[in-house]
Amino acid sequence: MGERVDNLVMRLHKGGDKTPETLRSLSGAQWQMVLYEEPYPWTVHDMAAHLLSAEKGLRRIAKSVAAGGPGAPQGFDYNAHNAEEQVRLREKHKLFLNAYLGRLLPP
């Protein structure tokens, strides 16, 4: 692949376990801790849901680009998509989010 790409892949694999590991170590109260106040309060749970949604979406876009496709549709509204995903994933249990993140992020 080339040294630069190999190095990047190695770093992604090395860091891929950190997010699920960190999330597994958090208490229930820490999952509800507010990280960002604007544009509305985002908790650790919300951030994990966003990471899950973004990881899945970015994989679809990357596969589209790799296959010669356009990637994200023209005019795609990332902010609206993120807001919709937050609502969709709000009720998902932290174990669900962490399990799926563990499978999606590079091993």
N, C-alpha and C. Protein backbone atom coordinates (compact mmCIF):
# COMPACT_ATOMS: atom_id res chain seq x y z
N MET A 1 0.80 -1.20 0.00
CA MET A 1 0.00 0.00 0.00
C MET A 1 0.84 1.25 0.00
N GLY A 2 1.99 1.23 0.41
CA GLY A 2 2.80 2.41 0.58
C GLY A 2 2.97 2.71 2.05
N GLU A 3 4.14 3.22 2.38
CA GLU A 3 4.47 3.42 3.79
C GLU A 3 3.50 4.38 4.49
N ARG A 4 3.12 5.46 3.82
CA ARG A 4 2.23 6.46 4.43
C ARG A 4 0.86 5.84 4.76
N VAL A 5 0.30 5.11 3.81
CA VAL A 5 -1.01 4.48 4.02
C VAL A 5 -0.90 3.39 5.08
N ASP A 6 0.16 2.59 5.01
CA ASP A 6 0.35 1.54 6.02
C ASP A 6 0.43 2.12 7.42
N ASN A 7 1.14 3.24 7.56
CA ASN A 7 1.27 3.90 8.85
C ASN A 7 -0.09 4.40 9.35
N LEU A 8 -0.87 4.97 8.46
CA LEU A 8 -2.19 5.47 8.82
C LEU A 8 -3.09 4.31 9.25
N VAL A 9 -3.08 3.21 8.51
CA VAL A 9 -3.89 2.05 8.85
C VAL A 9 -3.47 1.51 10.21
N MET A 10 -2.17 1.45 10.47
CA MET A 10 -1.68 0.96 11.75
C MET A 10 -2.18 1.85 12.90
N ARG A 11 -2.14 3.16 12.70
CA ARG A 11 -2.59 4.08 13.74
C ARG A 11 -4.09 3.95 13.98
N LEU A 12 -4.87 3.75 12.92
CA LEU A 12 -6.31 3.56 13.08
C LEU A 12 -6.61 2.29 13.86
N HIS A 13 -5.92 1.22 13.55
CA HIS A 13 -6.13 -0.03 14.27
C HIS A 13 -5.72 0.11 15.74
N LYS A 14 -4.60 0.78 15.97
CA LYS A 14 -4.11 0.96 17.33
C LYS A 14 -5.09 1.77 18.18
N GLY A 15 -5.65 2.81 17.60
CA GLY A 15 -6.57 3.67 18.33
C GLY A 15 -8.00 3.18 18.35
N GLY A 16 -8.32 2.20 17.51
CA GLY A 16 -9.69 1.74 17.38
C GLY A 16 -10.29 1.15 18.63
N ASP A 17 -9.48 0.57 19.49
CA ASP A 17 -9.99 -0.04 20.72
C ASP A 17 -10.20 0.98 21.83
N LYS A 18 -9.61 2.15 21.71
CA LYS A 18 -9.66 3.11 22.82
C LYS A 18 -11.06 3.62 23.13
N THR A 19 -11.85 3.91 22.11
CA THR A 19 -13.18 4.46 22.37
C THR A 19 -14.06 3.45 23.09
N PRO A 20 -14.23 2.22 22.56
CA PRO A 20 -15.06 1.26 23.30
C PRO A 20 -14.51 0.96 24.70
N GLU A 21 -13.19 0.90 24.84
CA GLU A 21 -12.58 0.66 26.16
C GLU A 21 -12.95 1.78 27.13
N THR A 22 -12.82 3.00 26.69
CA THR A 22 -13.13 4.15 27.54
C THR A 22 -14.61 4.15 27.91
N LEU A 23 -15.46 3.93 26.93
CA LEU A 23 -16.90 3.94 27.21
C LEU A 23 -17.30 2.83 28.16
N ARG A 24 -16.68 1.66 28.04
CA ARG A 24 -16.99 0.55 28.96
C ARG A 24 -16.63 0.89 30.40
N SER A 25 -15.65 1.76 30.58
CA SER A 25 -15.20 2.09 31.93
C SER A 25 -16.06 3.14 32.63
N LEU A 26 -16.99 3.75 31.92
CA LEU A 26 -17.78 4.84 32.49
C LEU A 26 -18.96 4.33 33.31
N SER A 27 -19.28 5.06 34.36
CA SER A 27 -20.46 4.74 35.18
C SER A 27 -21.71 5.28 34.48
N GLY A 28 -22.87 4.88 34.98
CA GLY A 28 -24.13 5.39 34.44
C GLY A 28 -24.22 6.90 34.53
N ALA A 29 -23.76 7.45 35.64
CA ALA A 29 -23.78 8.91 35.82
C ALA A 29 -22.87 9.60 34.81
N GLN A 30 -21.72 8.99 34.54
CA GLN A 30 -20.80 9.59 33.57
C GLN A 30 -21.39 9.58 32.16
N TRP A 31 -22.17 8.56 31.83
CA TRP A 31 -22.83 8.51 30.53
C TRP A 31 -23.81 9.67 30.37
N GLN A 32 -24.32 10.20 31.45
CA GLN A 32 -25.29 11.29 31.40
C GLN A 32 -24.65 12.67 31.56
N MET A 33 -23.33 12.70 31.75
CA MET A 33 -22.62 13.97 31.91
C MET A 33 -22.69 14.80 30.62
N VAL A 34 -22.98 16.09 30.77
CA VAL A 34 -23.07 16.98 29.61
C VAL A 34 -21.66 17.39 29.18
N LEU A 35 -21.38 17.17 27.89
CA LEU A 35 -20.08 17.53 27.33
C LEU A 35 -20.13 18.89 26.64
N TYR A 36 -21.21 19.16 25.94
CA TYR A 36 -21.40 20.40 25.20
C TYR A 36 -22.77 20.96 25.52
N GLU A 37 -22.86 22.28 25.70
CA GLU A 37 -24.12 22.95 26.00
C GLU A 37 -24.84 23.43 24.74
N GLU A 38 -24.09 23.72 23.68
CA GLU A 38 -24.67 24.31 22.47
C GLU A 38 -24.50 23.38 21.29
N PRO A 39 -25.40 23.31 20.36
CA PRO A 39 -26.65 24.07 20.26
C PRO A 39 -27.71 23.55 21.22
N TYR A 40 -27.50 22.39 21.80
CA TYR A 40 -28.34 21.83 22.86
C TYR A 40 -27.43 20.91 23.66
N PRO A 41 -27.78 20.59 24.89
CA PRO A 41 -26.87 19.76 25.70
C PRO A 41 -26.59 18.38 25.08
N TRP A 42 -25.30 18.06 24.94
CA TRP A 42 -24.86 16.75 24.43
C TRP A 42 -24.21 16.01 25.59
N THR A 43 -24.72 14.84 25.89
CA THR A 43 -24.15 14.01 26.94
C THR A 43 -23.13 13.05 26.33
N VAL A 44 -22.44 12.31 27.18
CA VAL A 44 -21.54 11.26 26.71
C VAL A 44 -22.34 10.26 25.87
N HIS A 45 -23.56 9.94 26.32
CA HIS A 45 -24.42 9.04 25.55
C HIS A 45 -24.67 9.59 24.15
N ASP A 46 -24.99 10.89 24.07
CA ASP A 46 -25.22 11.52 22.77
C ASP A 46 -23.98 11.45 21.89
N MET A 47 -22.82 11.66 22.49
CA MET A 47 -21.57 11.61 21.72
C MET A 47 -21.31 10.20 21.20
N ALA A 48 -21.55 9.18 22.04
CA ALA A 48 -21.37 7.80 21.59
C ALA A 48 -22.34 7.48 20.46
N ALA A 49 -23.58 7.96 20.57
CA ALA A 49 -24.56 7.75 19.50
C ALA A 49 -24.10 8.43 18.22
N HIS A 50 -23.55 9.63 18.35
CA HIS A 50 -23.04 10.35 17.18
C HIS A 50 -21.87 9.59 16.54
N LEU A 51 -20.96 9.09 17.36
CA LEU A 51 -19.83 8.33 16.81
C LEU A 51 -20.31 7.10 16.06
N LEU A 52 -21.28 6.41 16.62
CA LEU A 52 -21.83 5.23 15.96
C LEU A 52 -22.45 5.60 14.62
N SER A 53 -23.29 6.61 14.62
CA SER A 53 -23.96 7.05 13.41
C SER A 53 -22.95 7.53 12.37
N ALA A 54 -21.99 8.34 12.81
CA ALA A 54 -20.99 8.88 11.88
C ALA A 54 -20.13 7.77 11.29
N GLU A 55 -19.74 6.82 12.11
CA GLU A 55 -18.90 5.72 11.63
C GLU A 55 -19.61 4.93 10.54
N LYS A 56 -20.90 4.65 10.76
CA LYS A 56 -21.68 3.91 9.77
C LYS A 56 -21.83 4.74 8.49
N GLY A 57 -22.16 6.01 8.65
CA GLY A 57 -22.36 6.87 7.49
C GLY A 57 -21.10 7.10 6.69
N LEU A 58 -19.99 7.31 7.39
CA LEU A 58 -18.72 7.54 6.70
C LEU A 58 -18.27 6.29 5.95
N ARG A 59 -18.55 5.12 6.49
CA ARG A 59 -18.22 3.89 5.77
C ARG A 59 -18.99 3.80 4.46
N ARG A 60 -20.28 4.13 4.50
CA ARG A 60 -21.09 4.10 3.27
C ARG A 60 -20.52 5.08 2.25
N ILE A 61 -20.18 6.29 2.70
CA ILE A 61 -19.64 7.30 1.79
C ILE A 61 -18.29 6.84 1.22
N ALA A 62 -17.42 6.31 2.08
CA ALA A 62 -16.11 5.85 1.63
C ALA A 62 -16.24 4.72 0.61
N LYS A 63 -17.17 3.78 0.85
CA LYS A 63 -17.39 2.70 -0.11
C LYS A 63 -17.90 3.24 -1.44
N SER A 64 -18.77 4.23 -1.38
CA SER A 64 -19.28 4.84 -2.60
C SER A 64 -18.15 5.49 -3.39
N VAL A 65 -17.31 6.25 -2.71
CA VAL A 65 -16.18 6.92 -3.38
C VAL A 65 -15.21 5.89 -3.94
N ALA A 66 -14.90 4.85 -3.16
CA ALA A 66 -13.97 3.82 -3.61
C ALA A 66 -14.49 3.09 -4.85
N ALA A 67 -15.81 2.99 -4.97
CA ALA A 67 -16.41 2.32 -6.13
C ALA A 67 -16.64 3.28 -7.30
N GLY A 68 -16.15 4.52 -7.16
CA GLY A 68 -16.29 5.49 -8.23
C GLY A 68 -17.56 6.31 -8.14
N GLY A 69 -18.30 6.15 -7.05
CA GLY A 69 -19.54 6.89 -6.86
C GLY A 69 -19.30 8.29 -6.34
N PRO A 70 -20.38 9.03 -6.10
CA PRO A 70 -20.26 10.43 -5.70
C PRO A 70 -19.99 10.64 -4.21
N GLY A 71 -20.12 9.60 -3.39
CA GLY A 71 -19.99 9.80 -1.94
C GLY A 71 -21.30 10.30 -1.39
N ALA A 72 -21.25 11.34 -0.58
CA ALA A 72 -22.48 11.92 -0.02
C ALA A 72 -23.26 12.61 -1.14
N PRO A 73 -24.59 12.51 -1.10
CA PRO A 73 -25.39 13.18 -2.13
C PRO A 73 -25.16 14.68 -2.10
N GLN A 74 -25.22 15.30 -3.26
CA GLN A 74 -25.07 16.75 -3.34
C GLN A 74 -26.15 17.41 -2.50
N GLY A 75 -25.77 18.39 -1.71
CA GLY A 75 -26.71 19.12 -0.88
C GLY A 75 -27.04 18.41 0.43
N PHE A 76 -26.33 17.33 0.73
CA PHE A 76 -26.58 16.59 1.96
C PHE A 76 -26.38 17.51 3.15
N ASP A 77 -27.36 17.56 4.04
CA ASP A 77 -27.32 18.45 5.20
C ASP A 77 -26.83 17.65 6.42
N TYR A 78 -25.54 17.76 6.70
CA TYR A 78 -24.93 17.00 7.79
C TYR A 78 -25.55 17.36 9.14
N ASN A 79 -25.82 18.64 9.35
CA ASN A 79 -26.38 19.06 10.64
C ASN A 79 -27.78 18.48 10.86
N ALA A 80 -28.61 18.51 9.83
CA ALA A 80 -29.95 17.93 9.94
C ALA A 80 -29.86 16.42 10.16
N HIS A 81 -28.96 15.78 9.43
CA HIS A 81 -28.78 14.33 9.58
C HIS A 81 -28.33 14.00 11.01
N ASN A 82 -27.36 14.74 11.53
CA ASN A 82 -26.89 14.51 12.91
C ASN A 82 -28.01 14.69 13.92
N ALA A 83 -28.83 15.72 13.73
CA ALA A 83 -29.94 15.96 14.66
C ALA A 83 -30.95 14.80 14.61
N GLU A 84 -31.26 14.32 13.41
CA GLU A 84 -32.18 13.19 13.27
C GLU A 84 -31.61 11.94 13.92
N GLU A 85 -30.32 11.71 13.75
CA GLU A 85 -29.68 10.53 14.33
C GLU A 85 -29.67 10.60 15.85
N GLN A 86 -29.50 11.79 16.40
CA GLN A 86 -29.52 11.94 17.86
C GLN A 86 -30.88 11.52 18.41
N VAL A 87 -31.94 11.93 17.73
CA VAL A 87 -33.29 11.55 18.17
C VAL A 87 -33.46 10.04 18.03
N ARG A 88 -33.04 9.48 16.89
CA ARG A 88 -33.21 8.05 16.64
C ARG A 88 -32.47 7.20 17.66
N LEU A 89 -31.27 7.63 18.06
CA LEU A 89 -30.42 6.83 18.94
C LEU A 89 -30.52 7.22 20.42
N ARG A 90 -31.32 8.22 20.75
CA ARG A 90 -31.40 8.71 22.12
C ARG A 90 -31.78 7.62 23.13
N GLU A 91 -32.66 6.74 22.74
CA GLU A 91 -33.15 5.73 23.67
C GLU A 91 -32.33 4.44 23.66
N LYS A 92 -31.34 4.36 22.82
CA LYS A 92 -30.52 3.14 22.79
C LYS A 92 -29.68 3.06 24.06
N HIS A 93 -29.64 1.89 24.63
CA HIS A 93 -28.89 1.66 25.86
C HIS A 93 -27.39 1.79 25.59
N LYS A 94 -26.66 2.23 26.60
CA LYS A 94 -25.21 2.43 26.44
C LYS A 94 -24.50 1.13 26.03
N LEU A 95 -24.97 -0.02 26.47
CA LEU A 95 -24.33 -1.28 26.09
C LEU A 95 -24.51 -1.56 24.61
N PHE A 96 -25.66 -1.20 24.07
CA PHE A 96 -25.92 -1.34 22.64
C PHE A 96 -24.95 -0.46 21.85
N LEU A 97 -24.84 0.80 22.25
CA LEU A 97 -23.96 1.73 21.54
C LEU A 97 -22.51 1.24 21.58
N ASN A 98 -22.06 0.84 22.75
CA ASN A 98 -20.68 0.41 22.89
C ASN A 98 -20.41 -0.88 22.12
N ALA A 99 -21.37 -1.80 22.11
CA ALA A 99 -21.18 -3.05 21.37
C ALA A 99 -21.04 -2.77 19.88
N TYR A 100 -21.89 -1.91 19.35
CA TYR A 100 -21.80 -1.61 17.93
C TYR A 100 -20.57 -0.80 17.59
N LEU A 101 -20.18 0.13 18.45
CA LEU A 101 -18.94 0.87 18.21
C LEU A 101 -17.75 -0.09 18.21
N GLY A 102 -17.75 -1.03 19.11
CA GLY A 102 -16.66 -2.00 19.18
C GLY A 102 -16.54 -2.82 17.92
N ARG A 103 -17.66 -3.08 17.24
CA ARG A 103 -17.62 -3.84 16.00
C ARG A 103 -17.28 -2.97 14.80
N LEU A 104 -17.64 -1.68 14.84
CA LEU A 104 -17.43 -0.81 13.69
C LEU A 104 -16.03 -0.23 13.64
N LEU A 105 -15.49 0.13 14.80
CA LEU A 105 -14.18 0.74 14.81
C LEU A 105 -13.12 -0.32 14.51
N PRO A 106 -12.02 0.10 13.87
CA PRO A 106 -11.01 -0.89 13.49
C PRO A 106 -10.53 -1.68 14.69
N PRO A 107 -10.36 -3.00 14.51
CA PRO A 107 -9.90 -3.83 15.65
C PRO A 107 -8.45 -3.57 15.99
